Amino acid sequence: MQQSGPTPLPVRSLWWGLGLPLVALVALVLLGLLVAAYPTLLAWDAAFLLRLHRYASPALNRSVVAITDLGTYWGVLPASVVLIALALWCRRWLVAGYFALAMAGSAGLNLTAKLLWHRVRPTLWDGVPPNPDFSFPSGHATYSMTFVLALILINWDSPKRPWLIGLGGLFGLVIGLSRVYLGVHYPSDILGGWLLAIAWAVGLHQVTFRWVPLLRSR
């Protein structure tokens, strides 16, 4: 007999869709409180930056500068526009709306978080590129991880998923490391950006693809 009404959401889907974003959000707030209240965390962050800076060289600097912008203007942004346009062309309205809101929302939330915590950028050596905004959480880490997570989530049932997880995770890691190597972010800034991306991208996916269709079917 065919079941009437919407199919109940599996417990596992509820965990990934609701529990994971909540855990990430709580972790982000706790990390932010640690950043604001405990100077020892700042000292650890600074020590890590200085150790990493020992391996700096002019050639590596040029390569990392080119790589880091893939997390924003020269990578994530144009790729997002192309994917949204492709989804609209294929009439995949939910996918297009989700991707657009995921990327735009991550930018707005990152700016709000920066203004909330007011963490000053590190300036531990000469030649650090000037950045007018605040440090926590990292925008590059937020945008790149949001892009990767959104791409993985909308292709969750695709055979491409393992490749997207592997290559996407590597991309997010490289972008995060590039910001630390350049001395424009502390490691905790990168972690904060990743936590913000998880909370937003996964939570929004749950609302868009689970709860919106469920409400429409009632």
N, C-alpha and C. Protein backbone atom coordinates (compact mmCIF):
# COMPACT_ATOMS: atom_id res chain seq x y z
N MET A 1 0.85 -1.19 0.00
CA MET A 1 0.00 0.00 0.00
C MET A 1 0.89 1.24 0.00
N GLN A 2 0.53 2.20 -0.82
CA GLN A 2 1.34 3.42 -0.93
C GLN A 2 1.11 4.31 0.28
N GLN A 3 2.16 4.83 0.82
CA GLN A 3 2.07 5.65 2.01
C GLN A 3 1.56 7.03 1.63
N SER A 4 0.65 7.57 2.44
CA SER A 4 0.16 8.92 2.19
C SER A 4 0.98 9.90 3.01
N GLY A 5 1.12 11.10 2.47
CA GLY A 5 1.87 12.13 3.18
C GLY A 5 3.35 12.01 2.97
N PRO A 6 4.13 12.95 3.49
CA PRO A 6 5.58 12.97 3.29
C PRO A 6 6.26 11.84 4.03
N THR A 7 7.34 11.37 3.49
CA THR A 7 8.13 10.33 4.14
C THR A 7 8.89 10.93 5.31
N PRO A 8 8.83 10.31 6.50
CA PRO A 8 9.57 10.86 7.64
C PRO A 8 11.07 10.92 7.35
N LEU A 9 11.71 11.93 7.89
CA LEU A 9 13.15 12.07 7.69
C LEU A 9 13.88 11.03 8.51
N PRO A 10 14.88 10.35 7.90
CA PRO A 10 15.66 9.38 8.66
C PRO A 10 16.41 10.04 9.81
N VAL A 11 16.65 9.26 10.87
CA VAL A 11 17.38 9.80 12.03
C VAL A 11 18.75 10.29 11.61
N ARG A 12 19.42 9.54 10.72
CA ARG A 12 20.76 9.93 10.28
C ARG A 12 20.74 11.27 9.56
N SER A 13 19.70 11.50 8.74
CA SER A 13 19.59 12.77 8.03
C SER A 13 19.36 13.91 9.01
N LEU A 14 18.58 13.64 10.05
CA LEU A 14 18.35 14.67 11.06
C LEU A 14 19.64 15.04 11.77
N TRP A 15 20.48 14.02 12.05
CA TRP A 15 21.75 14.30 12.72
C TRP A 15 22.65 15.16 11.84
N TRP A 16 22.83 14.71 10.60
CA TRP A 16 23.73 15.45 9.71
C TRP A 16 23.16 16.83 9.38
N GLY A 17 21.86 16.91 9.24
CA GLY A 17 21.26 18.18 8.81
C GLY A 17 21.05 19.18 9.91
N LEU A 18 20.82 18.70 11.14
CA LEU A 18 20.54 19.60 12.25
C LEU A 18 21.61 19.54 13.34
N GLY A 19 22.03 18.33 13.71
CA GLY A 19 23.02 18.19 14.78
C GLY A 19 24.38 18.74 14.41
N LEU A 20 24.85 18.42 13.19
CA LEU A 20 26.18 18.86 12.78
C LEU A 20 26.28 20.39 12.71
N PRO A 21 25.33 21.10 12.09
CA PRO A 21 25.42 22.57 12.09
C PRO A 21 25.38 23.15 13.51
N LEU A 22 24.57 22.55 14.38
CA LEU A 22 24.49 23.07 15.75
C LEU A 22 25.81 22.88 16.49
N VAL A 23 26.41 21.70 16.33
CA VAL A 23 27.71 21.45 16.96
C VAL A 23 28.76 22.42 16.43
N ALA A 24 28.77 22.64 15.10
CA ALA A 24 29.73 23.56 14.49
C ALA A 24 29.52 24.98 15.00
N LEU A 25 28.26 25.39 15.14
CA LEU A 25 27.97 26.74 15.61
C LEU A 25 28.42 26.93 17.06
N VAL A 26 28.15 25.95 17.90
CA VAL A 26 28.57 26.03 19.30
C VAL A 26 30.10 26.07 19.38
N ALA A 27 30.77 25.23 18.57
CA ALA A 27 32.23 25.22 18.56
C ALA A 27 32.79 26.56 18.10
N LEU A 28 32.13 27.18 17.11
CA LEU A 28 32.56 28.49 16.63
C LEU A 28 32.46 29.54 17.74
N VAL A 29 31.35 29.55 18.44
CA VAL A 29 31.16 30.53 19.52
C VAL A 29 32.18 30.30 20.63
N LEU A 30 32.40 29.04 21.00
CA LEU A 30 33.39 28.75 22.05
C LEU A 30 34.79 29.15 21.62
N LEU A 31 35.13 28.87 20.36
CA LEU A 31 36.44 29.28 19.86
C LEU A 31 36.57 30.79 19.87
N GLY A 32 35.51 31.48 19.47
CA GLY A 32 35.53 32.94 19.51
C GLY A 32 35.72 33.49 20.91
N LEU A 33 35.07 32.86 21.88
CA LEU A 33 35.25 33.28 23.27
C LEU A 33 36.67 33.05 23.75
N LEU A 34 37.27 31.91 23.34
CA LEU A 34 38.66 31.65 23.69
C LEU A 34 39.59 32.69 23.07
N VAL A 35 39.33 33.00 21.81
CA VAL A 35 40.15 34.00 21.11
C VAL A 35 40.07 35.35 21.82
N ALA A 36 38.88 35.70 22.28
CA ALA A 36 38.69 37.01 22.89
C ALA A 36 39.19 37.07 24.33
N ALA A 37 39.14 35.94 25.04
CA ALA A 37 39.37 35.99 26.48
C ALA A 37 40.73 35.48 26.93
N TYR A 38 41.40 34.66 26.12
CA TYR A 38 42.62 34.01 26.59
C TYR A 38 43.82 34.37 25.71
N PRO A 39 44.71 35.22 26.19
CA PRO A 39 45.90 35.61 25.42
C PRO A 39 46.81 34.44 25.08
N THR A 40 46.76 33.35 25.86
CA THR A 40 47.64 32.22 25.58
C THR A 40 47.33 31.60 24.22
N LEU A 41 46.05 31.63 23.81
CA LEU A 41 45.70 31.11 22.50
C LEU A 41 46.34 31.96 21.42
N LEU A 42 46.32 33.29 21.61
CA LEU A 42 46.96 34.19 20.67
C LEU A 42 48.45 33.92 20.59
N ALA A 43 49.08 33.64 21.73
CA ALA A 43 50.51 33.34 21.75
C ALA A 43 50.80 32.05 20.98
N TRP A 44 49.94 31.03 21.14
CA TRP A 44 50.14 29.78 20.40
C TRP A 44 49.98 30.02 18.91
N ASP A 45 48.96 30.78 18.53
CA ASP A 45 48.75 31.11 17.13
C ASP A 45 49.97 31.81 16.53
N ALA A 46 50.48 32.79 17.28
CA ALA A 46 51.64 33.55 16.80
C ALA A 46 52.87 32.66 16.68
N ALA A 47 53.06 31.77 17.63
CA ALA A 47 54.22 30.87 17.57
C ALA A 47 54.13 29.96 16.35
N PHE A 48 52.94 29.48 16.03
CA PHE A 48 52.77 28.63 14.85
C PHE A 48 53.11 29.40 13.58
N LEU A 49 52.65 30.65 13.49
CA LEU A 49 52.94 31.48 12.31
C LEU A 49 54.44 31.69 12.15
N LEU A 50 55.12 31.98 13.24
CA LEU A 50 56.55 32.24 13.17
C LEU A 50 57.34 30.99 12.78
N ARG A 51 56.91 29.82 13.27
CA ARG A 51 57.58 28.58 12.87
C ARG A 51 57.38 28.31 11.38
N LEU A 52 56.18 28.54 10.90
CA LEU A 52 55.89 28.31 9.48
C LEU A 52 56.66 29.29 8.61
N HIS A 53 56.85 30.51 9.11
CA HIS A 53 57.53 31.54 8.32
C HIS A 53 59.00 31.21 8.08
N ARG A 54 59.56 30.31 8.85
CA ARG A 54 60.95 29.90 8.64
C ARG A 54 61.15 29.27 7.27
N TYR A 55 60.10 28.69 6.71
CA TYR A 55 60.20 28.00 5.42
C TYR A 55 59.86 28.92 4.25
N ALA A 56 59.67 30.20 4.52
CA ALA A 56 59.29 31.13 3.45
C ALA A 56 60.46 31.38 2.50
N SER A 57 60.12 31.59 1.24
CA SER A 57 61.11 31.96 0.22
C SER A 57 60.40 32.82 -0.82
N PRO A 58 61.14 33.65 -1.56
CA PRO A 58 60.49 34.50 -2.57
C PRO A 58 59.67 33.71 -3.60
N ALA A 59 60.21 32.58 -4.05
CA ALA A 59 59.49 31.79 -5.05
C ALA A 59 58.21 31.20 -4.46
N LEU A 60 58.31 30.68 -3.23
CA LEU A 60 57.13 30.11 -2.59
C LEU A 60 56.10 31.20 -2.29
N ASN A 61 56.58 32.37 -1.91
CA ASN A 61 55.66 33.49 -1.65
C ASN A 61 54.82 33.82 -2.88
N ARG A 62 55.47 33.88 -4.04
CA ARG A 62 54.74 34.19 -5.27
C ARG A 62 53.70 33.12 -5.59
N SER A 63 54.06 31.88 -5.38
CA SER A 63 53.12 30.78 -5.66
C SER A 63 51.93 30.82 -4.72
N VAL A 64 52.20 31.06 -3.43
CA VAL A 64 51.11 31.07 -2.46
C VAL A 64 50.18 32.25 -2.67
N VAL A 65 50.74 33.40 -3.04
CA VAL A 65 49.90 34.57 -3.34
C VAL A 65 48.95 34.26 -4.49
N ALA A 66 49.44 33.56 -5.50
CA ALA A 66 48.58 33.19 -6.64
C ALA A 66 47.53 32.17 -6.22
N ILE A 67 47.90 31.25 -5.35
CA ILE A 67 46.97 30.19 -4.93
C ILE A 67 45.88 30.74 -4.03
N THR A 68 46.25 31.64 -3.12
CA THR A 68 45.29 32.06 -2.09
C THR A 68 44.07 32.74 -2.67
N ASP A 69 44.23 33.45 -3.79
CA ASP A 69 43.09 34.15 -4.40
C ASP A 69 42.10 33.20 -5.08
N LEU A 70 42.47 31.92 -5.21
CA LEU A 70 41.50 30.95 -5.70
C LEU A 70 40.36 30.76 -4.70
N GLY A 71 40.61 31.14 -3.45
CA GLY A 71 39.57 31.03 -2.43
C GLY A 71 38.53 32.12 -2.51
N THR A 72 38.76 33.13 -3.37
CA THR A 72 37.78 34.21 -3.50
C THR A 72 37.59 34.59 -4.97
N TYR A 73 38.23 35.69 -5.38
CA TYR A 73 37.91 36.32 -6.67
C TYR A 73 38.26 35.49 -7.88
N TRP A 74 39.35 34.74 -7.84
CA TRP A 74 39.82 34.04 -9.04
C TRP A 74 39.45 32.57 -9.06
N GLY A 75 38.71 32.10 -8.08
CA GLY A 75 38.35 30.69 -8.05
C GLY A 75 36.92 30.46 -7.63
N VAL A 76 36.66 30.65 -6.34
CA VAL A 76 35.35 30.35 -5.78
C VAL A 76 34.25 31.22 -6.39
N LEU A 77 34.50 32.51 -6.52
CA LEU A 77 33.46 33.41 -7.04
C LEU A 77 33.05 33.08 -8.47
N PRO A 78 33.98 33.04 -9.45
CA PRO A 78 33.55 32.70 -10.81
C PRO A 78 32.98 31.30 -10.93
N ALA A 79 33.54 30.34 -10.18
CA ALA A 79 33.01 28.98 -10.23
C ALA A 79 31.58 28.93 -9.70
N SER A 80 31.30 29.71 -8.66
CA SER A 80 29.94 29.77 -8.11
C SER A 80 28.96 30.35 -9.12
N VAL A 81 29.38 31.41 -9.79
CA VAL A 81 28.51 32.03 -10.80
C VAL A 81 28.20 31.06 -11.91
N VAL A 82 29.22 30.33 -12.36
CA VAL A 82 29.03 29.35 -13.45
C VAL A 82 28.08 28.24 -13.00
N LEU A 83 28.26 27.71 -11.81
CA LEU A 83 27.43 26.62 -11.32
C LEU A 83 25.98 27.06 -11.11
N ILE A 84 25.79 28.27 -10.61
CA ILE A 84 24.42 28.79 -10.43
C ILE A 84 23.75 28.97 -11.79
N ALA A 85 24.50 29.54 -12.74
CA ALA A 85 23.94 29.73 -14.09
C ALA A 85 23.59 28.39 -14.73
N LEU A 86 24.46 27.39 -14.54
CA LEU A 86 24.20 26.06 -15.09
C LEU A 86 22.96 25.43 -14.47
N ALA A 87 22.80 25.60 -13.16
CA ALA A 87 21.62 25.06 -12.48
C ALA A 87 20.35 25.74 -12.98
N LEU A 88 20.41 27.05 -13.20
CA LEU A 88 19.25 27.77 -13.74
C LEU A 88 18.94 27.30 -15.16
N TRP A 89 19.97 27.09 -15.96
CA TRP A 89 19.79 26.62 -17.34
C TRP A 89 19.10 25.25 -17.36
N CYS A 90 19.46 24.40 -16.38
CA CYS A 90 18.87 23.06 -16.29
C CYS A 90 17.56 23.06 -15.50
N ARG A 91 17.08 24.23 -15.11
CA ARG A 91 15.84 24.38 -14.36
C ARG A 91 15.88 23.68 -13.00
N ARG A 92 17.03 23.62 -12.42
CA ARG A 92 17.18 23.06 -11.07
C ARG A 92 17.12 24.24 -10.09
N TRP A 93 15.89 24.69 -9.84
CA TRP A 93 15.69 25.95 -9.12
C TRP A 93 16.19 25.87 -7.69
N LEU A 94 15.92 24.75 -7.02
CA LEU A 94 16.36 24.62 -5.62
C LEU A 94 17.88 24.62 -5.52
N VAL A 95 18.52 23.94 -6.47
CA VAL A 95 19.98 23.88 -6.47
C VAL A 95 20.56 25.28 -6.68
N ALA A 96 20.02 26.00 -7.66
CA ALA A 96 20.51 27.35 -7.94
C ALA A 96 20.29 28.27 -6.74
N GLY A 97 19.09 28.20 -6.17
CA GLY A 97 18.80 29.05 -5.01
C GLY A 97 19.67 28.71 -3.82
N TYR A 98 19.87 27.41 -3.59
CA TYR A 98 20.70 26.99 -2.47
C TYR A 98 22.14 27.47 -2.64
N PHE A 99 22.70 27.27 -3.83
CA PHE A 99 24.09 27.65 -4.05
C PHE A 99 24.27 29.16 -3.92
N ALA A 100 23.34 29.92 -4.50
CA ALA A 100 23.44 31.38 -4.43
C ALA A 100 23.33 31.86 -2.99
N LEU A 101 22.36 31.31 -2.25
CA LEU A 101 22.18 31.74 -0.87
C LEU A 101 23.32 31.27 0.02
N ALA A 102 23.86 30.08 -0.28
CA ALA A 102 24.98 29.58 0.51
C ALA A 102 26.18 30.51 0.41
N MET A 103 26.52 30.92 -0.81
CA MET A 103 27.69 31.76 -1.00
C MET A 103 27.45 33.19 -0.50
N ALA A 104 26.29 33.76 -0.85
CA ALA A 104 26.00 35.12 -0.40
C ALA A 104 25.86 35.17 1.12
N GLY A 105 25.19 34.17 1.68
CA GLY A 105 25.02 34.14 3.12
C GLY A 105 26.32 33.96 3.86
N SER A 106 27.23 33.16 3.32
CA SER A 106 28.53 32.96 3.99
C SER A 106 29.31 34.27 4.05
N ALA A 107 29.19 35.08 2.99
CA ALA A 107 29.87 36.38 2.99
C ALA A 107 29.28 37.30 4.05
N GLY A 108 27.95 37.34 4.13
CA GLY A 108 27.30 38.20 5.12
C GLY A 108 27.58 37.75 6.54
N LEU A 109 27.52 36.45 6.78
CA LEU A 109 27.77 35.93 8.12
C LEU A 109 29.22 36.12 8.53
N ASN A 110 30.15 35.96 7.58
CA ASN A 110 31.56 36.16 7.89
C ASN A 110 31.83 37.61 8.29
N LEU A 111 31.25 38.55 7.54
CA LEU A 111 31.43 39.96 7.88
C LEU A 111 30.84 40.27 9.25
N THR A 112 29.66 39.72 9.52
CA THR A 112 29.04 39.94 10.83
C THR A 112 29.90 39.39 11.95
N ALA A 113 30.45 38.18 11.76
CA ALA A 113 31.30 37.58 12.78
C ALA A 113 32.57 38.40 13.00
N LYS A 114 33.16 38.90 11.92
CA LYS A 114 34.36 39.73 12.05
C LYS A 114 34.07 40.98 12.88
N LEU A 115 32.94 41.62 12.60
CA LEU A 115 32.57 42.83 13.34
C LEU A 115 32.24 42.51 14.79
N LEU A 116 31.73 41.32 15.03
CA LEU A 116 31.39 40.92 16.40
C LEU A 116 32.64 40.71 17.24
N TRP A 117 33.65 40.03 16.67
CA TRP A 117 34.83 39.69 17.47
C TRP A 117 35.95 40.73 17.40
N HIS A 118 36.03 41.48 16.34
CA HIS A 118 37.01 42.57 16.23
C HIS A 118 38.45 42.11 16.48
N ARG A 119 38.79 40.95 16.00
CA ARG A 119 40.16 40.47 16.20
C ARG A 119 41.09 41.12 15.17
N VAL A 120 42.17 41.71 15.66
CA VAL A 120 43.11 42.42 14.79
C VAL A 120 43.96 41.41 14.02
N ARG A 121 44.28 41.73 12.78
CA ARG A 121 45.11 40.86 11.95
C ARG A 121 46.52 40.72 12.52
N PRO A 122 47.16 39.57 12.31
CA PRO A 122 48.55 39.42 12.76
C PRO A 122 49.50 40.27 11.91
N THR A 123 50.49 40.83 12.56
CA THR A 123 51.56 41.58 11.86
C THR A 123 52.88 41.17 12.50
N LEU A 124 53.32 39.97 12.22
CA LEU A 124 54.47 39.40 12.92
C LEU A 124 55.78 39.58 12.17
N TRP A 125 55.72 39.99 10.91
CA TRP A 125 56.95 40.24 10.15
C TRP A 125 56.65 41.25 9.05
N ASP A 126 57.71 41.80 8.49
CA ASP A 126 57.56 42.80 7.43
C ASP A 126 57.08 42.13 6.15
N GLY A 127 56.33 42.89 5.36
CA GLY A 127 55.89 42.38 4.06
C GLY A 127 54.56 41.66 4.07
N VAL A 128 53.87 41.64 5.24
CA VAL A 128 52.54 41.01 5.29
C VAL A 128 51.57 41.88 4.49
N PRO A 129 50.83 41.30 3.54
CA PRO A 129 49.89 42.09 2.73
C PRO A 129 48.89 42.81 3.62
N PRO A 130 48.63 44.10 3.37
CA PRO A 130 47.68 44.84 4.21
C PRO A 130 46.25 44.36 3.98
N ASN A 131 45.51 44.23 5.08
CA ASN A 131 44.10 43.83 5.02
C ASN A 131 43.31 44.74 5.94
N PRO A 132 42.33 45.46 5.41
CA PRO A 132 41.62 46.45 6.24
C PRO A 132 40.61 45.84 7.20
N ASP A 133 40.16 44.61 6.95
CA ASP A 133 39.11 44.04 7.79
C ASP A 133 39.71 43.27 8.96
N PHE A 134 38.84 42.70 9.77
CA PHE A 134 39.29 41.97 10.96
C PHE A 134 39.67 40.53 10.59
N SER A 135 40.15 39.80 11.60
CA SER A 135 40.84 38.54 11.35
C SER A 135 39.98 37.30 11.57
N PHE A 136 39.09 37.32 12.57
CA PHE A 136 38.34 36.12 12.95
C PHE A 136 36.87 36.26 12.61
N PRO A 137 36.33 35.28 11.89
CA PRO A 137 36.96 34.12 11.23
C PRO A 137 37.45 34.48 9.83
N SER A 138 38.30 33.66 9.27
CA SER A 138 38.88 33.93 7.96
C SER A 138 37.82 33.88 6.86
N GLY A 139 37.79 34.94 6.03
CA GLY A 139 36.86 34.96 4.91
C GLY A 139 37.20 33.93 3.85
N HIS A 140 38.49 33.83 3.51
CA HIS A 140 38.90 32.84 2.51
C HIS A 140 38.54 31.42 2.94
N ALA A 141 38.77 31.12 4.23
CA ALA A 141 38.43 29.79 4.73
C ALA A 141 36.93 29.56 4.70
N THR A 142 36.16 30.58 5.05
CA THR A 142 34.70 30.46 5.04
C THR A 142 34.17 30.24 3.64
N TYR A 143 34.60 31.08 2.69
CA TYR A 143 34.05 31.00 1.33
C TYR A 143 34.45 29.70 0.64
N SER A 144 35.73 29.33 0.76
CA SER A 144 36.20 28.13 0.07
C SER A 144 35.54 26.88 0.64
N MET A 145 35.39 26.80 1.97
CA MET A 145 34.76 25.62 2.57
C MET A 145 33.26 25.60 2.30
N THR A 146 32.61 26.74 2.28
CA THR A 146 31.19 26.79 1.92
C THR A 146 30.99 26.29 0.51
N PHE A 147 31.84 26.73 -0.41
CA PHE A 147 31.75 26.29 -1.80
C PHE A 147 31.92 24.78 -1.91
N VAL A 148 32.93 24.25 -1.23
CA VAL A 148 33.20 22.81 -1.29
C VAL A 148 32.05 22.02 -0.69
N LEU A 149 31.57 22.44 0.47
CA LEU A 149 30.47 21.72 1.12
C LEU A 149 29.20 21.76 0.29
N ALA A 150 28.89 22.93 -0.27
CA ALA A 150 27.70 23.04 -1.10
C ALA A 150 27.78 22.11 -2.31
N LEU A 151 28.95 22.06 -2.91
CA LEU A 151 29.15 21.20 -4.08
C LEU A 151 29.01 19.73 -3.70
N ILE A 152 29.56 19.35 -2.56
CA ILE A 152 29.45 17.96 -2.10
C ILE A 152 28.00 17.61 -1.77
N LEU A 153 27.32 18.49 -1.08
CA LEU A 153 25.96 18.19 -0.61
C LEU A 153 24.96 18.05 -1.76
N ILE A 154 25.10 18.89 -2.79
CA ILE A 154 24.14 18.77 -3.89
C ILE A 154 24.49 17.60 -4.81
N ASN A 155 25.66 17.00 -4.61
CA ASN A 155 26.05 15.80 -5.37
C ASN A 155 26.21 14.59 -4.45
N TRP A 156 25.47 14.58 -3.33
CA TRP A 156 25.66 13.56 -2.32
C TRP A 156 25.38 12.16 -2.83
N ASP A 157 24.39 12.03 -3.71
CA ASP A 157 24.02 10.72 -4.24
C ASP A 157 24.73 10.39 -5.55
N SER A 158 25.69 11.22 -5.93
CA SER A 158 26.41 11.02 -7.19
C SER A 158 27.65 10.15 -6.97
N PRO A 159 28.04 9.36 -7.96
CA PRO A 159 29.29 8.60 -7.84
C PRO A 159 30.53 9.49 -7.77
N LYS A 160 30.35 10.77 -8.08
CA LYS A 160 31.47 11.72 -7.99
C LYS A 160 31.76 12.16 -6.57
N ARG A 161 30.90 11.77 -5.63
CA ARG A 161 31.04 12.28 -4.26
C ARG A 161 32.41 12.01 -3.64
N PRO A 162 32.98 10.80 -3.73
CA PRO A 162 34.31 10.60 -3.12
C PRO A 162 35.38 11.53 -3.69
N TRP A 163 35.31 11.77 -5.01
CA TRP A 163 36.27 12.69 -5.63
C TRP A 163 36.05 14.12 -5.14
N LEU A 164 34.80 14.51 -5.02
CA LEU A 164 34.50 15.86 -4.55
C LEU A 164 34.96 16.05 -3.11
N ILE A 165 34.76 15.02 -2.29
CA ILE A 165 35.20 15.12 -0.90
C ILE A 165 36.73 15.21 -0.82
N GLY A 166 37.41 14.35 -1.57
CA GLY A 166 38.87 14.33 -1.53
C GLY A 166 39.48 15.61 -2.08
N LEU A 167 39.10 15.95 -3.31
CA LEU A 167 39.68 17.14 -3.94
C LEU A 167 39.19 18.43 -3.28
N GLY A 168 37.91 18.45 -2.89
CA GLY A 168 37.38 19.63 -2.23
C GLY A 168 38.02 19.85 -0.87
N GLY A 169 38.20 18.77 -0.12
CA GLY A 169 38.87 18.90 1.18
C GLY A 169 40.29 19.39 1.03
N LEU A 170 40.99 18.89 0.01
CA LEU A 170 42.36 19.34 -0.24
C LEU A 170 42.38 20.82 -0.63
N PHE A 171 41.42 21.23 -1.44
CA PHE A 171 41.33 22.63 -1.85
C PHE A 171 41.12 23.54 -0.63
N GLY A 172 40.16 23.17 0.23
CA GLY A 172 39.91 23.98 1.42
C GLY A 172 41.12 24.05 2.33
N LEU A 173 41.83 22.92 2.48
CA LEU A 173 43.02 22.88 3.32
C LEU A 173 44.12 23.77 2.76
N VAL A 174 44.34 23.71 1.44
CA VAL A 174 45.39 24.51 0.82
C VAL A 174 45.08 26.01 0.96
N ILE A 175 43.82 26.39 0.75
CA ILE A 175 43.45 27.80 0.90
C ILE A 175 43.69 28.25 2.33
N GLY A 176 43.29 27.44 3.30
CA GLY A 176 43.50 27.80 4.70
C GLY A 176 44.98 27.93 5.04
N LEU A 177 45.79 26.98 4.59
CA LEU A 177 47.23 27.04 4.86
C LEU A 177 47.88 28.24 4.19
N SER A 178 47.37 28.61 3.02
CA SER A 178 47.94 29.76 2.31
C SER A 178 47.76 31.04 3.11
N ARG A 179 46.62 31.17 3.79
CA ARG A 179 46.38 32.38 4.58
C ARG A 179 47.31 32.43 5.81
N VAL A 180 47.55 31.27 6.38
CA VAL A 180 48.45 31.22 7.53
C VAL A 180 49.89 31.46 7.08
N TYR A 181 50.29 30.86 5.98
CA TYR A 181 51.65 31.03 5.47
C TYR A 181 51.94 32.50 5.18
N LEU A 182 50.97 33.20 4.59
CA LEU A 182 51.17 34.61 4.25
C LEU A 182 51.16 35.52 5.48
N GLY A 183 50.76 34.98 6.62
CA GLY A 183 50.77 35.77 7.85
C GLY A 183 49.59 36.70 8.00
N VAL A 184 48.52 36.50 7.22
CA VAL A 184 47.36 37.38 7.29
C VAL A 184 46.26 36.82 8.18
N HIS A 185 46.44 35.58 8.65
CA HIS A 185 45.47 34.96 9.55
C HIS A 185 46.18 34.04 10.53
N TYR A 186 45.60 33.94 11.71
CA TYR A 186 46.03 32.94 12.68
C TYR A 186 45.37 31.60 12.35
N PRO A 187 45.96 30.48 12.80
CA PRO A 187 45.31 29.18 12.58
C PRO A 187 43.89 29.11 13.14
N SER A 188 43.64 29.74 14.27
CA SER A 188 42.30 29.72 14.84
C SER A 188 41.30 30.48 13.97
N ASP A 189 41.78 31.47 13.21
CA ASP A 189 40.90 32.16 12.25
C ASP A 189 40.42 31.19 11.17
N ILE A 190 41.33 30.35 10.71
CA ILE A 190 41.00 29.37 9.67
C ILE A 190 39.99 28.37 10.20
N LEU A 191 40.23 27.86 11.41
CA LEU A 191 39.30 26.92 12.02
C LEU A 191 37.93 27.56 12.21
N GLY A 192 37.91 28.81 12.62
CA GLY A 192 36.65 29.52 12.78
C GLY A 192 35.90 29.65 11.46
N GLY A 193 36.63 29.92 10.38
CA GLY A 193 35.99 30.01 9.06
C GLY A 193 35.40 28.69 8.62
N TRP A 194 36.11 27.60 8.89
CA TRP A 194 35.60 26.27 8.53
C TRP A 194 34.35 25.93 9.35
N LEU A 195 34.36 26.24 10.63
CA LEU A 195 33.19 25.97 11.47
C LEU A 195 31.98 26.78 11.02
N LEU A 196 32.20 28.03 10.67
CA LEU A 196 31.11 28.86 10.16
C LEU A 196 30.55 28.28 8.87
N ALA A 197 31.42 27.83 7.99
CA ALA A 197 30.98 27.25 6.72
C ALA A 197 30.16 25.98 6.94
N ILE A 198 30.60 25.13 7.87
CA ILE A 198 29.86 23.89 8.15
C ILE A 198 28.47 24.21 8.69
N ALA A 199 28.42 25.11 9.68
CA ALA A 199 27.14 25.46 10.29
C ALA A 199 26.17 26.01 9.24
N TRP A 200 26.65 26.89 8.37
CA TRP A 200 25.78 27.54 7.40
C TRP A 200 25.42 26.64 6.23
N ALA A 201 26.42 26.04 5.59
CA ALA A 201 26.16 25.27 4.37
C ALA A 201 25.31 24.03 4.65
N VAL A 202 25.63 23.31 5.72
CA VAL A 202 24.88 22.10 6.03
C VAL A 202 23.48 22.43 6.54
N GLY A 203 23.38 23.43 7.42
CA GLY A 203 22.06 23.82 7.93
C GLY A 203 21.15 24.33 6.83
N LEU A 204 21.70 25.15 5.93
CA LEU A 204 20.90 25.67 4.82
C LEU A 204 20.47 24.55 3.88
N HIS A 205 21.34 23.58 3.66
CA HIS A 205 20.99 22.44 2.82
C HIS A 205 19.82 21.67 3.42
N GLN A 206 19.84 21.48 4.74
CA GLN A 206 18.74 20.79 5.41
C GLN A 206 17.43 21.53 5.19
N VAL A 207 17.45 22.84 5.36
CA VAL A 207 16.23 23.63 5.20
C VAL A 207 15.76 23.60 3.76
N THR A 208 16.69 23.76 2.81
CA THR A 208 16.31 23.88 1.40
C THR A 208 15.78 22.58 0.82
N PHE A 209 16.47 21.47 1.10
CA PHE A 209 16.14 20.22 0.42
C PHE A 209 15.34 19.23 1.27
N ARG A 210 15.22 19.51 2.56
CA ARG A 210 14.43 18.62 3.42
C ARG A 210 13.14 19.27 3.87
N TRP A 211 13.26 20.44 4.50
CA TRP A 211 12.10 21.04 5.12
C TRP A 211 11.22 21.81 4.14
N VAL A 212 11.82 22.50 3.16
CA VAL A 212 11.00 23.23 2.18
C VAL A 212 10.11 22.27 1.38
N PRO A 213 10.65 21.19 0.79
CA PRO A 213 9.76 20.22 0.10
C PRO A 213 8.74 19.59 1.04
N LEU A 214 9.14 19.36 2.29
CA LEU A 214 8.22 18.76 3.25
C LEU A 214 7.04 19.67 3.52
N LEU A 215 7.31 20.97 3.68
CA LEU A 215 6.25 21.94 3.93
C LEU A 215 5.35 22.11 2.70
N ARG A 216 5.96 22.06 1.52
CA ARG A 216 5.18 22.20 0.29
C ARG A 216 4.22 21.04 0.10
N SER A 217 4.59 19.86 0.58
CA SER A 217 3.78 18.68 0.33
C SER A 217 2.60 18.58 1.29
N ARG A 218 2.57 19.42 2.32
CA ARG A 218 1.48 19.33 3.30
C ARG A 218 0.23 20.03 2.76
